[in-house]
Protein backbone atom coordinates (compact mmCIF):
# COMPACT_ATOMS: atom_id res chain seq x y z
CA MET A 1 -0.02 0.03 0.01
CA SER A 2 1.41 3.44 -0.94
CA ILE A 3 1.88 6.33 1.40
CA GLN A 4 -0.72 8.26 -0.56
CA SER A 5 -3.45 5.62 -0.10
CA LYS A 6 -2.64 5.45 3.57
CA ALA A 7 -2.93 9.25 3.80
CA GLU A 8 -6.29 9.14 2.07
CA GLN A 9 -7.55 6.51 4.48
CA LEU A 10 -6.41 8.50 7.49
CA ALA A 11 -7.92 11.71 6.05
CA GLN A 12 -11.20 9.95 5.51
CA THR A 13 -11.20 8.62 9.12
CA LEU A 14 -10.46 12.12 10.47
CA LYS A 15 -13.13 13.66 8.21
CA GLU A 16 -15.77 11.22 9.54
CA ARG A 17 -14.87 12.21 13.10
CA ILE A 18 -15.16 15.86 12.17
CA LEU A 19 -18.49 15.41 10.41
CA SER A 20 -19.93 13.37 13.25
CA GLY A 21 -18.93 16.00 15.81
CA GLU A 22 -16.50 13.71 17.58
CA TYR A 23 -13.89 16.36 16.81
CA PRO A 24 -15.94 19.53 17.59
CA LEU A 25 -15.89 22.69 15.52
CA ASN A 26 -13.04 25.10 16.51
CA SER A 27 -11.22 22.31 18.35
CA TYR A 28 -7.77 21.10 17.33
CA LEU A 29 -6.76 17.85 15.73
CA PRO A 30 -4.36 15.56 17.64
CA SER A 31 -0.75 16.47 17.08
CA THR A 32 1.30 14.69 14.37
CA SER A 33 3.05 12.48 16.91
CA LEU A 34 -0.32 11.43 18.39
CA LEU A 35 -1.77 10.73 14.97
CA CYS A 36 1.28 8.53 14.32
CA GLU A 37 0.82 6.65 17.61
CA GLY A 38 -2.97 6.38 17.42
CA PHE A 39 -3.18 5.19 13.83
CA GLY A 40 0.16 3.48 13.39
CA VAL A 41 1.20 5.69 10.52
CA SER A 42 4.43 7.64 9.64
CA LYS A 43 4.76 11.42 10.10
CA THR A 44 4.75 11.77 6.33
CA THR A 45 1.41 10.00 6.09
CA ALA A 46 -0.11 12.07 8.95
CA ARG A 47 0.97 15.35 7.41
CA GLN A 48 -0.31 14.38 3.98
CA ALA A 49 -3.70 13.52 5.49
CA VAL A 50 -3.82 16.96 7.06
CA VAL A 51 -3.00 18.48 3.66
CA LEU A 52 -5.98 16.66 2.18
CA LEU A 53 -8.31 17.97 4.90
CA LYS A 54 -6.99 21.52 4.30
CA ALA A 55 -7.73 21.11 0.61
CA GLU A 56 -11.35 20.42 1.50
CA GLY A 57 -11.52 23.45 3.69
CA LEU A 58 -12.21 21.47 6.87
CA VAL A 59 -9.12 22.54 8.81
CA CYS A 60 -6.49 25.21 8.86
CA GLY A 61 -3.05 25.38 10.50
CA HIS A 62 -2.02 27.90 13.13
CA HIS A 63 1.73 28.23 13.72
CA GLY A 64 2.62 27.11 17.25
CA LEU A 65 -0.97 26.02 18.05
CA GLY A 66 -1.82 23.17 15.73
CA VAL A 67 -4.46 22.32 13.13
CA GLN A 68 -7.88 23.75 13.87
CA ILE A 69 -11.27 22.42 12.61
CA ILE A 70 -13.00 25.40 10.96
CA ARG A 71 -15.88 23.82 9.09
CA ARG A 72 -18.21 20.85 9.21
CA THR A 73 -19.94 19.87 5.95
CA CYS A 74 -22.78 17.45 5.12
CA ALA A 75 -23.01 16.26 8.69
CA PRO A 76 -26.00 13.96 8.91
CA PRO A 77 -28.15 14.28 12.00
CA GLN A 78 -26.92 11.71 14.50
CA ARG A 79 -28.07 10.51 17.87
CA LYS A 80 -25.57 11.39 20.50
CA ALA A 81 -23.73 8.23 21.50
CA GLN A 82 -23.68 7.38 25.15
CA ARG A 83 -20.23 7.51 26.62
CA LEU A 84 -18.86 4.38 28.37
CA SER A 85 -17.75 4.89 31.92
CA VAL A 86 -14.34 3.35 32.64
CA LEU A 87 -12.52 3.26 35.95
CA PHE A 88 -8.64 3.00 35.65
CA VAL A 89 -7.37 1.39 38.88
CA LEU A 90 -3.61 1.49 39.41
CA GLU A 91 -1.68 -0.16 42.23
CA TYR A 92 0.24 2.44 44.25
CA THR A 93 3.72 1.25 43.15
CA LEU A 94 2.82 2.43 39.62
CA TRP A 95 2.24 6.07 40.70
CA ASP A 96 5.52 7.16 39.01
CA ASN A 97 5.30 4.84 35.96
CA PRO A 98 5.23 7.14 32.91
CA PHE A 99 3.91 4.40 30.58
CA PHE A 100 0.43 4.35 32.12
CA TYR A 101 0.12 8.12 32.27
CA ARG A 102 1.10 8.29 28.59
CA LEU A 103 -1.37 5.51 27.84
CA ILE A 104 -4.26 7.31 29.66
CA ALA A 105 -3.46 10.64 28.03
CA SER A 106 -3.18 9.20 24.47
CA PHE A 107 -6.30 7.07 25.05
CA GLN A 108 -8.35 10.06 26.17
CA GLN A 109 -7.09 12.10 23.22
CA PHE A 110 -8.40 9.57 20.74
CA TYR A 111 -11.47 8.05 22.48
CA GLY A 112 -12.38 10.78 24.93
CA THR A 113 -15.72 11.47 23.17
CA ARG A 114 -16.65 7.78 23.46
CA ILE A 115 -15.58 6.99 27.00
CA GLN A 116 -15.29 8.73 30.30
CA ILE A 117 -12.19 7.75 32.28
CA ARG A 118 -11.71 8.10 36.00
CA THR A 119 -8.47 7.18 37.76
CA GLN A 120 -8.04 5.65 41.26
CA PHE A 121 -4.94 4.42 43.08
CA ILE A 122 -5.12 1.39 45.40
CA PHE A 123 -2.85 -0.51 47.75
CA SER A 124 -2.18 -4.03 46.58
CA THR A 125 -2.98 -5.52 49.96
CA LYS A 126 -6.32 -3.71 50.05
CA LEU A 127 -7.61 -4.62 46.57
CA ASN A 128 -10.77 -6.28 47.92
CA GLU A 129 -11.38 -3.74 50.64
CA GLU A 130 -12.23 -0.93 48.22
CA ILE A 131 -15.92 -0.50 47.38
CA LEU A 132 -16.17 -0.27 43.56
CA PRO A 133 -19.35 -0.62 41.47
CA ALA A 134 -19.70 -4.21 40.43
CA ASP A 135 -21.10 -3.37 37.01
CA GLU A 136 -18.49 -0.76 36.06
CA LEU A 137 -15.87 -1.52 33.45
CA ILE A 138 -12.44 -1.46 35.27
CA LEU A 139 -8.99 -1.32 33.81
CA LEU A 140 -6.71 -2.81 36.47
CA ALA A 141 -2.98 -2.25 36.49
CA GLY A 142 -0.64 -3.62 39.16
CA ARG A 143 0.96 -6.66 40.72
CA PHE A 144 -1.54 -8.50 42.96
CA PRO A 145 -1.42 -11.97 44.49
CA GLU A 146 -3.41 -14.31 42.26
CA GLU A 147 -5.90 -15.42 44.91
CA MET A 148 -6.73 -11.83 45.77
CA LEU A 149 -6.97 -10.93 42.11
CA ASN A 150 -9.35 -13.83 41.39
CA THR A 151 -11.60 -12.76 44.32
CA PHE A 152 -11.73 -9.22 42.92
CA ILE A 153 -12.54 -10.30 39.39
CA ALA A 154 -15.30 -12.68 40.60
CA ALA A 155 -16.91 -9.54 42.25
CA HIS A 156 -16.10 -7.31 39.20
CA PRO A 157 -16.48 -9.42 36.03
CA LYS A 158 -16.05 -6.37 33.77
CA THR A 159 -12.37 -6.07 34.57
CA ILE A 160 -9.55 -5.91 32.07
CA LEU A 161 -6.13 -6.66 33.44
CA LEU A 162 -3.27 -4.58 31.97
CA ASN A 163 0.27 -5.80 31.38
CA TRP A 164 -0.34 -9.29 32.74
CA ALA A 165 -1.69 -12.13 30.56
CA LEU A 166 -3.40 -14.26 33.19
CA GLU A 167 -5.38 -17.32 32.15
CA GLY A 168 -9.10 -17.01 32.67
CA VAL A 169 -9.04 -13.20 32.94
CA ASN A 170 -9.72 -10.45 30.33
CA TYR A 171 -6.37 -8.76 29.59
CA VAL A 172 -4.34 -6.51 27.34
CA ALA A 173 -0.72 -7.32 27.81
CA PRO A 174 2.66 -6.98 25.93
CA ASP A 175 3.88 -10.04 24.06
CA GLU A 176 6.82 -10.64 26.37
CA ARG A 177 8.20 -13.62 24.35
CA LEU A 178 8.31 -11.51 21.17
CA ALA A 179 9.91 -8.68 23.17
CA GLY A 180 12.68 -11.02 24.21
CA GLN A 181 13.13 -12.15 20.64
CA TYR A 182 13.44 -8.51 19.49
CA ALA A 183 16.11 -7.78 22.12
CA ALA A 184 18.19 -10.82 21.06
CA GLN A 185 17.66 -10.03 17.39
CA ALA A 186 19.00 -6.44 17.83
CA LEU A 187 22.23 -7.77 19.37
CA VAL A 188 22.65 -10.48 16.69
CA GLU A 189 22.25 -7.84 13.97
CA ALA A 190 24.90 -5.76 15.80
CA GLY A 191 27.28 -8.65 15.44
CA LYS A 192 27.48 -9.66 19.15
CA LYS A 193 28.90 -13.16 19.74
CA ARG A 194 28.56 -13.79 23.50
CA ILE A 195 25.54 -12.50 25.34
CA GLY A 196 24.90 -12.29 29.07
CA LEU A 197 21.31 -12.81 30.17
CA LEU A 198 20.64 -11.22 33.51
CA ASN A 199 18.30 -13.25 35.71
CA ILE A 200 16.78 -12.41 39.07
CA THR A 201 16.45 -14.53 42.14
CA TYR A 202 13.16 -13.31 43.57
CA HIS A 203 12.65 -12.48 47.17
CA TYR A 204 9.23 -13.20 48.71
CA TYR A 205 7.97 -9.71 48.10
CA LEU A 206 8.35 -9.84 44.33
CA SER A 207 5.10 -10.81 42.71
CA LYS A 208 4.42 -13.74 40.43
CA ALA A 209 3.43 -11.27 37.76
CA LEU A 210 6.96 -9.85 37.60
CA GLY A 211 8.44 -13.36 37.61
CA ASP A 212 6.17 -14.40 34.71
CA GLU A 213 7.09 -11.29 32.77
CA PHE A 214 10.89 -11.75 33.09
CA ASP A 215 10.64 -15.46 32.51
CA LEU A 216 8.74 -15.09 29.26
CA ARG A 217 11.33 -12.56 28.04
CA LEU A 218 14.11 -14.97 28.77
CA LYS A 219 12.26 -17.76 26.96
CA GLY A 220 11.78 -15.55 23.91
CA ILE A 221 15.48 -14.74 23.90
CA ARG A 222 16.59 -18.38 24.20
CA ASN A 223 14.06 -19.67 21.67
CA TYR A 224 15.16 -17.13 19.09
CA LEU A 225 18.91 -17.92 19.56
CA HIS A 226 18.22 -21.61 19.22
CA THR A 227 16.61 -21.06 15.78
CA LEU A 228 19.78 -19.47 14.28
CA PRO A 229 22.14 -21.67 12.22
CA ASN A 230 25.24 -20.04 13.95
CA PRO A 231 23.90 -18.50 17.06
CA PRO A 232 26.02 -16.43 19.50
CA SER A 233 26.63 -18.18 22.81
CA TYR A 234 24.90 -16.94 25.93
CA ILE A 235 25.34 -17.24 29.66
CA ASP A 236 22.93 -16.76 32.55
CA ILE A 237 24.02 -14.26 35.13
CA ALA A 238 22.10 -14.04 38.42
CA ALA A 239 21.41 -10.64 40.05
CA ASP A 240 20.62 -11.84 43.51
CA ASP A 241 19.39 -8.70 45.23
CA TRP A 242 16.42 -6.49 44.65
CA ASP A 243 18.47 -3.38 45.29
CA TRP A 244 19.06 -0.38 43.05
CA LEU A 245 22.68 0.15 44.07
CA GLU A 246 24.31 -3.27 44.46
CA PRO A 247 23.38 -5.57 41.50
CA GLY A 248 25.33 -3.59 38.88
CA ASP A 249 28.63 -4.08 40.68
CA LYS A 250 27.91 -7.67 41.49
CA VAL A 251 26.89 -8.59 37.91
CA ILE A 252 29.86 -6.83 36.35
CA ALA A 253 32.22 -8.50 38.85
CA ARG A 254 30.86 -11.93 37.85
CA LEU A 255 31.38 -11.05 34.20
CA LEU A 256 35.02 -10.09 34.82
CA GLU A 257 35.59 -13.37 36.68
CA LYS A 258 34.55 -15.39 33.54
CA SER A 259 37.43 -16.20 31.31
CA ASN A 260 35.64 -15.51 28.08
CA GLY A 261 33.59 -12.50 29.12
CA VAL A 262 30.64 -11.15 27.12
CA ASP A 263 30.26 -8.55 24.45
CA ALA A 264 26.53 -7.81 25.19
CA LEU A 265 24.14 -7.75 28.10
CA ILE A 266 20.32 -8.08 28.24
CA SER A 267 18.90 -6.51 31.33
CA PRO A 268 15.42 -7.57 32.55
CA PHE A 269 14.25 -3.94 33.11
CA ASP A 270 15.50 -0.38 32.70
CA HIS A 271 16.17 0.48 36.30
CA LEU A 272 18.80 -2.22 36.58
CA ALA A 273 20.24 -1.35 33.08
CA VAL A 274 20.90 2.22 34.20
CA ASN A 275 22.80 0.95 37.14
CA LEU A 276 24.81 -1.34 34.85
CA LEU A 277 25.65 1.60 32.58
CA ASP A 278 27.04 3.50 35.58
CA THR A 279 29.03 0.48 36.74
CA LEU A 280 30.51 -0.13 33.26
CA HIS A 281 31.48 3.55 33.08
CA ARG A 282 33.28 3.50 36.42
CA ARG A 283 35.20 0.43 35.28
CA ASN A 284 36.19 2.15 32.05
CA ILE A 285 34.27 -0.41 29.91
CA LYS A 286 32.96 1.36 26.82
CA VAL A 287 29.31 0.91 25.79
CA PRO A 288 28.58 -0.30 23.19
CA GLN A 289 32.07 -0.72 21.76
CA GLN A 290 33.12 -3.33 24.35
CA ILE A 291 29.82 -4.36 25.86
CA ALA A 292 26.41 -3.54 24.25
CA LEU A 293 23.41 -3.19 26.57
CA ILE A 294 19.72 -3.51 25.86
CA SER A 295 16.78 -3.54 28.24
CA PHE A 296 12.95 -3.41 28.42
CA ASP A 297 10.09 -0.97 29.16
CA ASP A 298 11.56 2.34 27.84
CA ASN A 299 11.10 4.29 31.12
CA PHE A 300 11.39 8.05 30.72
CA PHE A 301 14.97 8.23 32.06
CA SER A 302 16.31 5.74 29.46
CA GLN A 303 16.75 8.44 26.81
CA PHE A 304 18.77 10.65 29.15
CA CYS A 305 21.50 8.00 30.02
CA ARG A 306 24.95 8.24 28.55
CA PRO A 307 24.93 6.49 26.26
CA ALA A 308 21.17 6.61 25.77
CA LEU A 309 19.64 3.17 26.49
CA THR A 310 18.27 0.99 23.73
CA THR A 311 15.09 -0.69 24.99
CA VAL A 312 12.14 -2.89 23.91
CA ALA A 313 8.78 -1.49 24.74
CA PRO A 314 5.06 -2.11 23.91
CA GLN A 315 3.94 -0.36 20.75
CA MET A 316 1.62 2.43 21.97
CA SER A 317 -0.63 2.50 18.88
CA ASP A 318 -1.16 -1.26 19.04
CA TYR A 319 -1.78 -1.00 22.80
CA MET A 320 -4.47 1.62 22.34
CA GLN A 321 -6.17 -0.28 19.56
CA LYS A 322 -6.20 -3.52 21.54
CA LEU A 323 -7.45 -1.74 24.63
CA TRP A 324 -10.28 -0.14 22.74
CA LYS A 325 -11.31 -3.48 21.30
CA GLY A 326 -11.12 -5.01 24.78
CA ILE A 327 -13.40 -2.27 26.22
CA GLN A 328 -15.91 -2.76 23.47
CA ALA A 329 -15.88 -6.60 23.95
CA VAL A 330 -16.11 -6.58 27.71
CA SER A 331 -18.79 -3.94 27.84
CA HIS A 332 -20.95 -6.31 25.76
CA GLY A 333 -20.28 -9.22 28.01
CA LYS A 334 -17.63 -10.92 25.93
CA THR A 335 -14.14 -12.12 26.90
CA TYR A 336 -11.07 -10.54 25.46
CA HIS A 337 -7.38 -11.38 25.32
CA GLY A 338 -5.15 -8.87 23.52
CA MET A 339 -1.44 -9.30 23.04
CA VAL A 340 0.43 -6.09 22.30
CA LYS A 341 3.32 -6.07 19.73
CA PRO A 342 6.70 -4.75 20.94
CA VAL A 343 8.90 -2.22 19.28
CA ILE A 344 12.64 -1.64 19.44
CA VAL A 345 13.50 1.86 20.70
CA SER A 346 16.96 2.17 19.11
CA ARG A 347 19.41 4.49 20.84
CA ASP A 348 23.17 4.42 21.54
CA SER A 349 23.85 1.47 23.87
CA VAL A 350 23.74 -1.16 21.03
């Protein structure tokens, strides 16, 4: 499909939203970056679609402000659609997680006229103590004990679990196996020959959800490497402590003790990867020239590291589309399982 035909399709979709009143007169279209994320198109396609709308006289651009809707034509009379009420419940440990704030903001930008989102924080130990409407559609994000979670879902059947693919539950979650494959593939394409896989020995307070997440990533990495005709070798390295300061030094010390060493590391998450970058720098080990480093989640600080951290993250446009499909399905009493495609965020550490 050509860029032009994609632009025409996007322009038609935006035009329909303008004509229906979903994008009100005198309001502004989503920014180019949000159009790219929401519809999974390139910046060129998004800009061309806006040019087509300008040609029809529906919008005009204001420098520094955006693209404003100035006319609605041939809008057929429509019955105002009832907005779905959605409660976004986040476990307190996610209060500083930028991914979910970005997800909520982007989702409201695109579907705000169709749904009404409220946000509430909750302690993981008090999940079943909160009084929530039994018939309300709930988006639940957090790491909860399975028994507690099952009790909650039995009382609130219209619940969609986010970022955790749990059997028997509605969910929208990243494809962690595929994310692991993408990480390994990036290192193979960079010519790395010996890869260190960081594993974690979980303390009692780490949830099964995190364990499942990391384990699936490791399986995706190993499965991909085993499919290659001449795969790089890999070694498992344990990071024994859930501590933001110690594991980097301990892991690097173990690497240096090994006779063959490694030329690449895969960290299970960005927080530990940042600590590893600092440790490598203090030991005068150059990244990525001597050891490349890749991680997961693309937390906000990853781009400000030196070198900037290459990570694998859920594709936001796919996440929003799967979440919208899930909301529609669950609101009509259906079950929904959505797996979100990952994307490589390429920076300087590989």
